[in-house]
Amino acid sequence: MLPNLKALRKETGISQQRLAEALGISQQSVNQYENHKIEPDIATLSRLADYFHTTVDYIIGRTDNRWPGDSARDARLNPDETEIIRLYRQLGQSGKDCAAHVLRALNDK
């Protein structure tokens, strides 16, 4: 069972077909994973985690920690800092560059 797969895919705005092509599997397989009809093998789970920059444990619902090593308690981050990092990680490279520029400018004041 992959309770977080569909949410990850929708959050990133990609179709089942595009995800399937990126992973080298069929669109039907992605659909069946999302609808809990079949489960992927370990290699496919690993590719899914890499694709979404998360962990297998998050995809299969064993943890709520989405990012590897991501725990406010472990990283000693408050909830606002955790949210900022989560949002930053969803940005494309140009968005990350822009965010870094803004933060540096604010820090210089």
N, C-alpha and C. Protein backbone atom coordinates (compact mmCIF):
# COMPACT_ATOMS: atom_id res chain seq x y z
N MET A 1 0.83 -1.17 0.00
CA MET A 1 0.00 0.00 0.00
C MET A 1 0.88 1.25 0.00
N LEU A 2 0.55 2.19 -0.85
CA LEU A 2 1.33 3.42 -0.98
C LEU A 2 0.43 4.63 -0.73
N PRO A 3 0.08 4.89 0.53
CA PRO A 3 -0.90 5.93 0.81
C PRO A 3 -0.50 7.34 0.40
N ASN A 4 0.78 7.61 0.28
CA ASN A 4 1.21 8.98 -0.04
C ASN A 4 1.59 9.19 -1.51
N LEU A 5 1.56 8.15 -2.31
CA LEU A 5 2.01 8.28 -3.69
C LEU A 5 1.14 9.25 -4.51
N LYS A 6 -0.15 9.08 -4.47
CA LYS A 6 -1.03 9.93 -5.27
C LYS A 6 -0.90 11.39 -4.85
N ALA A 7 -0.83 11.65 -3.55
CA ALA A 7 -0.69 13.02 -3.06
C ALA A 7 0.63 13.64 -3.54
N LEU A 8 1.71 12.87 -3.51
CA LEU A 8 2.99 13.38 -4.01
C LEU A 8 2.91 13.71 -5.49
N ARG A 9 2.31 12.82 -6.25
CA ARG A 9 2.20 13.04 -7.69
C ARG A 9 1.35 14.27 -7.99
N LYS A 10 0.22 14.40 -7.33
CA LYS A 10 -0.65 15.55 -7.58
C LYS A 10 0.01 16.85 -7.12
N GLU A 11 0.72 16.80 -6.01
CA GLU A 11 1.40 17.98 -5.49
C GLU A 11 2.43 18.51 -6.47
N THR A 12 3.09 17.60 -7.15
CA THR A 12 4.11 18.01 -8.12
C THR A 12 3.50 18.30 -9.49
N GLY A 13 2.20 18.03 -9.64
CA GLY A 13 1.50 18.37 -10.87
C GLY A 13 1.86 17.52 -12.07
N ILE A 14 2.22 16.26 -11.83
CA ILE A 14 2.55 15.39 -12.96
C ILE A 14 1.47 14.33 -13.14
N SER A 15 1.32 13.89 -14.34
CA SER A 15 0.34 12.86 -14.65
C SER A 15 0.90 11.48 -14.32
N GLN A 16 0.00 10.52 -14.25
CA GLN A 16 0.44 9.14 -14.07
C GLN A 16 1.35 8.73 -15.22
N GLN A 17 1.01 9.15 -16.42
CA GLN A 17 1.80 8.79 -17.60
C GLN A 17 3.22 9.35 -17.50
N ARG A 18 3.33 10.60 -17.11
CA ARG A 18 4.66 11.22 -17.00
C ARG A 18 5.50 10.54 -15.92
N LEU A 19 4.88 10.21 -14.79
CA LEU A 19 5.60 9.51 -13.74
C LEU A 19 6.04 8.14 -14.23
N ALA A 20 5.14 7.46 -14.91
CA ALA A 20 5.47 6.13 -15.44
C ALA A 20 6.66 6.20 -16.39
N GLU A 21 6.66 7.18 -17.27
CA GLU A 21 7.77 7.33 -18.22
C GLU A 21 9.08 7.61 -17.49
N ALA A 22 9.02 8.44 -16.46
CA ALA A 22 10.23 8.78 -15.71
C ALA A 22 10.80 7.56 -14.99
N LEU A 23 9.93 6.65 -14.59
CA LEU A 23 10.36 5.47 -13.84
C LEU A 23 10.57 4.23 -14.72
N GLY A 24 10.16 4.33 -15.98
CA GLY A 24 10.31 3.18 -16.87
C GLY A 24 9.31 2.07 -16.58
N ILE A 25 8.10 2.47 -16.17
CA ILE A 25 7.03 1.51 -15.91
C ILE A 25 5.80 1.95 -16.69
N SER A 26 4.74 1.17 -16.62
CA SER A 26 3.53 1.54 -17.35
C SER A 26 2.65 2.47 -16.52
N GLN A 27 1.83 3.23 -17.23
CA GLN A 27 0.86 4.11 -16.56
C GLN A 27 -0.12 3.26 -15.76
N GLN A 28 -0.45 2.09 -16.26
CA GLN A 28 -1.36 1.20 -15.55
C GLN A 28 -0.78 0.78 -14.20
N SER A 29 0.54 0.57 -14.16
CA SER A 29 1.17 0.21 -12.89
C SER A 29 1.04 1.35 -11.88
N VAL A 30 1.29 2.57 -12.32
CA VAL A 30 1.15 3.73 -11.42
C VAL A 30 -0.28 3.79 -10.90
N ASN A 31 -1.25 3.62 -11.79
CA ASN A 31 -2.65 3.65 -11.39
C ASN A 31 -2.95 2.57 -10.35
N GLN A 32 -2.44 1.38 -10.58
CA GLN A 32 -2.69 0.28 -9.64
C GLN A 32 -1.97 0.51 -8.31
N TYR A 33 -0.79 1.12 -8.32
CA TYR A 33 -0.12 1.45 -7.06
C TYR A 33 -0.97 2.44 -6.27
N GLU A 34 -1.47 3.46 -6.96
CA GLU A 34 -2.25 4.50 -6.29
C GLU A 34 -3.59 3.98 -5.76
N ASN A 35 -4.16 2.99 -6.43
CA ASN A 35 -5.45 2.45 -6.04
C ASN A 35 -5.32 1.17 -5.22
N HIS A 36 -4.12 0.91 -4.75
CA HIS A 36 -3.84 -0.20 -3.82
C HIS A 36 -4.21 -1.57 -4.38
N LYS A 37 -4.06 -1.71 -5.70
CA LYS A 37 -4.34 -3.00 -6.32
C LYS A 37 -3.11 -3.88 -6.39
N ILE A 38 -1.95 -3.26 -6.60
CA ILE A 38 -0.67 -3.99 -6.60
C ILE A 38 0.36 -3.14 -5.87
N GLU A 39 1.43 -3.77 -5.47
CA GLU A 39 2.52 -3.05 -4.82
C GLU A 39 3.77 -3.16 -5.68
N PRO A 40 4.55 -2.09 -5.73
CA PRO A 40 5.77 -2.12 -6.53
C PRO A 40 6.86 -2.95 -5.86
N ASP A 41 7.82 -3.36 -6.66
CA ASP A 41 8.96 -4.06 -6.09
C ASP A 41 9.88 -3.04 -5.41
N ILE A 42 10.87 -3.53 -4.72
CA ILE A 42 11.78 -2.67 -3.96
C ILE A 42 12.50 -1.67 -4.86
N ALA A 43 12.94 -2.10 -6.03
CA ALA A 43 13.65 -1.20 -6.94
C ALA A 43 12.76 -0.04 -7.37
N THR A 44 11.49 -0.34 -7.65
CA THR A 44 10.56 0.72 -8.06
C THR A 44 10.26 1.65 -6.89
N LEU A 45 10.10 1.10 -5.69
CA LEU A 45 9.91 1.94 -4.50
C LEU A 45 11.08 2.90 -4.32
N SER A 46 12.26 2.40 -4.51
CA SER A 46 13.46 3.23 -4.38
C SER A 46 13.48 4.34 -5.43
N ARG A 47 13.11 4.01 -6.67
CA ARG A 47 13.05 5.02 -7.73
C ARG A 47 11.97 6.07 -7.44
N LEU A 48 10.84 5.62 -6.89
CA LEU A 48 9.79 6.58 -6.50
C LEU A 48 10.30 7.55 -5.43
N ALA A 49 10.97 7.02 -4.43
CA ALA A 49 11.51 7.87 -3.37
C ALA A 49 12.52 8.86 -3.93
N ASP A 50 13.39 8.39 -4.81
CA ASP A 50 14.37 9.29 -5.43
C ASP A 50 13.68 10.35 -6.27
N TYR A 51 12.67 9.95 -7.03
CA TYR A 51 11.98 10.87 -7.91
C TYR A 51 11.33 12.00 -7.12
N PHE A 52 10.70 11.66 -6.00
CA PHE A 52 10.00 12.66 -5.20
C PHE A 52 10.87 13.25 -4.08
N HIS A 53 12.14 12.88 -4.05
CA HIS A 53 13.07 13.38 -3.04
C HIS A 53 12.54 13.15 -1.63
N THR A 54 12.11 11.93 -1.39
CA THR A 54 11.58 11.56 -0.09
C THR A 54 12.10 10.18 0.27
N THR A 55 11.48 9.55 1.23
CA THR A 55 11.91 8.21 1.64
C THR A 55 10.86 7.17 1.29
N VAL A 56 11.29 5.95 1.18
CA VAL A 56 10.36 4.84 0.98
C VAL A 56 9.38 4.79 2.15
N ASP A 57 9.89 5.00 3.36
CA ASP A 57 9.01 4.97 4.54
C ASP A 57 7.88 5.98 4.43
N TYR A 58 8.15 7.16 3.88
CA TYR A 58 7.08 8.15 3.71
C TYR A 58 6.08 7.68 2.66
N ILE A 59 6.57 7.18 1.55
CA ILE A 59 5.66 6.74 0.47
C ILE A 59 4.74 5.62 0.95
N ILE A 60 5.28 4.69 1.74
CA ILE A 60 4.44 3.57 2.19
C ILE A 60 3.69 3.87 3.48
N GLY A 61 3.84 5.09 4.01
CA GLY A 61 3.07 5.51 5.17
C GLY A 61 3.60 5.09 6.52
N ARG A 62 4.87 4.69 6.58
CA ARG A 62 5.45 4.29 7.87
C ARG A 62 5.87 5.48 8.71
N THR A 63 5.99 6.66 8.08
CA THR A 63 6.38 7.86 8.80
C THR A 63 5.66 9.06 8.19
N ASP A 64 5.51 10.08 9.00
CA ASP A 64 4.97 11.34 8.51
C ASP A 64 6.09 12.29 8.10
N ASN A 65 7.33 11.89 8.37
CA ASN A 65 8.48 12.71 8.01
C ASN A 65 8.73 12.54 6.52
N ARG A 66 8.45 13.58 5.79
CA ARG A 66 8.51 13.51 4.34
C ARG A 66 9.93 13.49 3.79
N TRP A 67 10.80 14.25 4.38
CA TRP A 67 12.16 14.39 3.87
C TRP A 67 13.12 13.53 4.66
N PRO A 68 14.13 12.98 4.01
CA PRO A 68 15.11 12.18 4.74
C PRO A 68 15.70 13.00 5.90
N GLY A 69 15.64 12.44 7.10
CA GLY A 69 16.17 13.14 8.27
C GLY A 69 15.33 14.33 8.68
N ASP A 70 14.11 14.43 8.16
CA ASP A 70 13.26 15.59 8.42
C ASP A 70 12.36 15.33 9.61
N SER A 71 12.75 15.87 10.70
CA SER A 71 11.93 15.84 11.89
C SER A 71 12.24 17.11 12.66
N ALA A 72 11.23 17.86 13.00
CA ALA A 72 11.46 19.11 13.73
C ALA A 72 12.22 18.81 15.02
N ARG A 73 11.92 17.70 15.65
CA ARG A 73 12.61 17.36 16.88
C ARG A 73 14.08 17.04 16.62
N ASP A 74 14.35 16.21 15.61
CA ASP A 74 15.73 15.82 15.31
C ASP A 74 16.56 16.99 14.82
N ALA A 75 15.99 17.84 14.00
CA ALA A 75 16.73 18.97 13.45
C ALA A 75 16.65 20.19 14.35
N ARG A 76 15.86 20.10 15.41
CA ARG A 76 15.65 21.20 16.34
C ARG A 76 15.10 22.44 15.64
N LEU A 77 14.17 22.22 14.75
CA LEU A 77 13.51 23.31 14.03
C LEU A 77 12.13 23.51 14.63
N ASN A 78 11.71 24.76 14.67
CA ASN A 78 10.34 25.01 15.11
C ASN A 78 9.41 24.76 13.93
N PRO A 79 8.10 24.72 14.15
CA PRO A 79 7.18 24.41 13.05
C PRO A 79 7.28 25.38 11.86
N ASP A 80 7.49 26.67 12.12
CA ASP A 80 7.62 27.63 11.01
C ASP A 80 8.86 27.33 10.18
N GLU A 81 9.97 27.01 10.82
CA GLU A 81 11.19 26.68 10.09
C GLU A 81 11.02 25.40 9.28
N THR A 82 10.36 24.44 9.86
CA THR A 82 10.09 23.19 9.15
C THR A 82 9.25 23.45 7.90
N GLU A 83 8.22 24.30 8.03
CA GLU A 83 7.36 24.62 6.89
C GLU A 83 8.14 25.36 5.80
N ILE A 84 9.00 26.29 6.19
CA ILE A 84 9.80 27.03 5.22
C ILE A 84 10.71 26.09 4.44
N ILE A 85 11.33 25.17 5.13
CA ILE A 85 12.21 24.21 4.46
C ILE A 85 11.40 23.30 3.53
N ARG A 86 10.22 22.87 3.99
CA ARG A 86 9.37 22.03 3.15
C ARG A 86 8.99 22.75 1.86
N LEU A 87 8.59 24.02 1.99
CA LEU A 87 8.21 24.80 0.81
C LEU A 87 9.41 25.04 -0.10
N TYR A 88 10.55 25.33 0.47
CA TYR A 88 11.76 25.55 -0.31
C TYR A 88 12.10 24.32 -1.14
N ARG A 89 11.99 23.16 -0.55
CA ARG A 89 12.34 21.92 -1.25
C ARG A 89 11.40 21.61 -2.41
N GLN A 90 10.23 22.23 -2.43
CA GLN A 90 9.30 22.01 -3.54
C GLN A 90 9.58 22.92 -4.72
N LEU A 91 10.42 23.94 -4.52
CA LEU A 91 10.71 24.90 -5.57
C LEU A 91 11.62 24.30 -6.63
N GLY A 92 11.51 24.82 -7.84
CA GLY A 92 12.49 24.51 -8.88
C GLY A 92 13.77 25.28 -8.60
N GLN A 93 14.78 25.06 -9.39
CA GLN A 93 16.07 25.70 -9.14
C GLN A 93 15.98 27.22 -9.17
N SER A 94 15.23 27.78 -10.12
CA SER A 94 15.14 29.24 -10.19
C SER A 94 14.44 29.80 -8.95
N GLY A 95 13.43 29.11 -8.45
CA GLY A 95 12.76 29.53 -7.23
C GLY A 95 13.68 29.46 -6.02
N LYS A 96 14.51 28.40 -5.96
CA LYS A 96 15.47 28.27 -4.87
C LYS A 96 16.51 29.39 -4.93
N ASP A 97 16.95 29.71 -6.14
CA ASP A 97 17.92 30.81 -6.30
C ASP A 97 17.32 32.13 -5.84
N CYS A 98 16.06 32.37 -6.21
CA CYS A 98 15.37 33.60 -5.82
C CYS A 98 15.19 33.66 -4.30
N ALA A 99 14.77 32.56 -3.70
CA ALA A 99 14.58 32.52 -2.25
C ALA A 99 15.89 32.78 -1.52
N ALA A 100 16.97 32.19 -2.00
CA ALA A 100 18.28 32.41 -1.38
C ALA A 100 18.69 33.87 -1.49
N HIS A 101 18.42 34.47 -2.64
CA HIS A 101 18.75 35.89 -2.85
C HIS A 101 17.98 36.77 -1.86
N VAL A 102 16.69 36.50 -1.71
CA VAL A 102 15.86 37.29 -0.78
C VAL A 102 16.35 37.12 0.65
N LEU A 103 16.64 35.89 1.04
CA LEU A 103 17.12 35.66 2.40
C LEU A 103 18.45 36.35 2.68
N ARG A 104 19.35 36.30 1.70
CA ARG A 104 20.64 37.00 1.86
C ARG A 104 20.42 38.51 1.99
N ALA A 105 19.53 39.07 1.19
CA ALA A 105 19.25 40.50 1.24
C ALA A 105 18.65 40.87 2.60
N LEU A 106 17.73 40.06 3.10
CA LEU A 106 17.14 40.34 4.41
C LEU A 106 18.17 40.22 5.53
N ASN A 107 19.07 39.29 5.39
CA ASN A 107 20.09 39.06 6.42
C ASN A 107 21.11 40.20 6.45
N ASP A 108 21.33 40.86 5.33
CA ASP A 108 22.29 41.95 5.25
C ASP A 108 21.78 43.23 5.90
N LYS A 109 20.49 43.31 6.15
CA LYS A 109 19.90 44.54 6.73
C LYS A 109 20.15 44.64 8.21
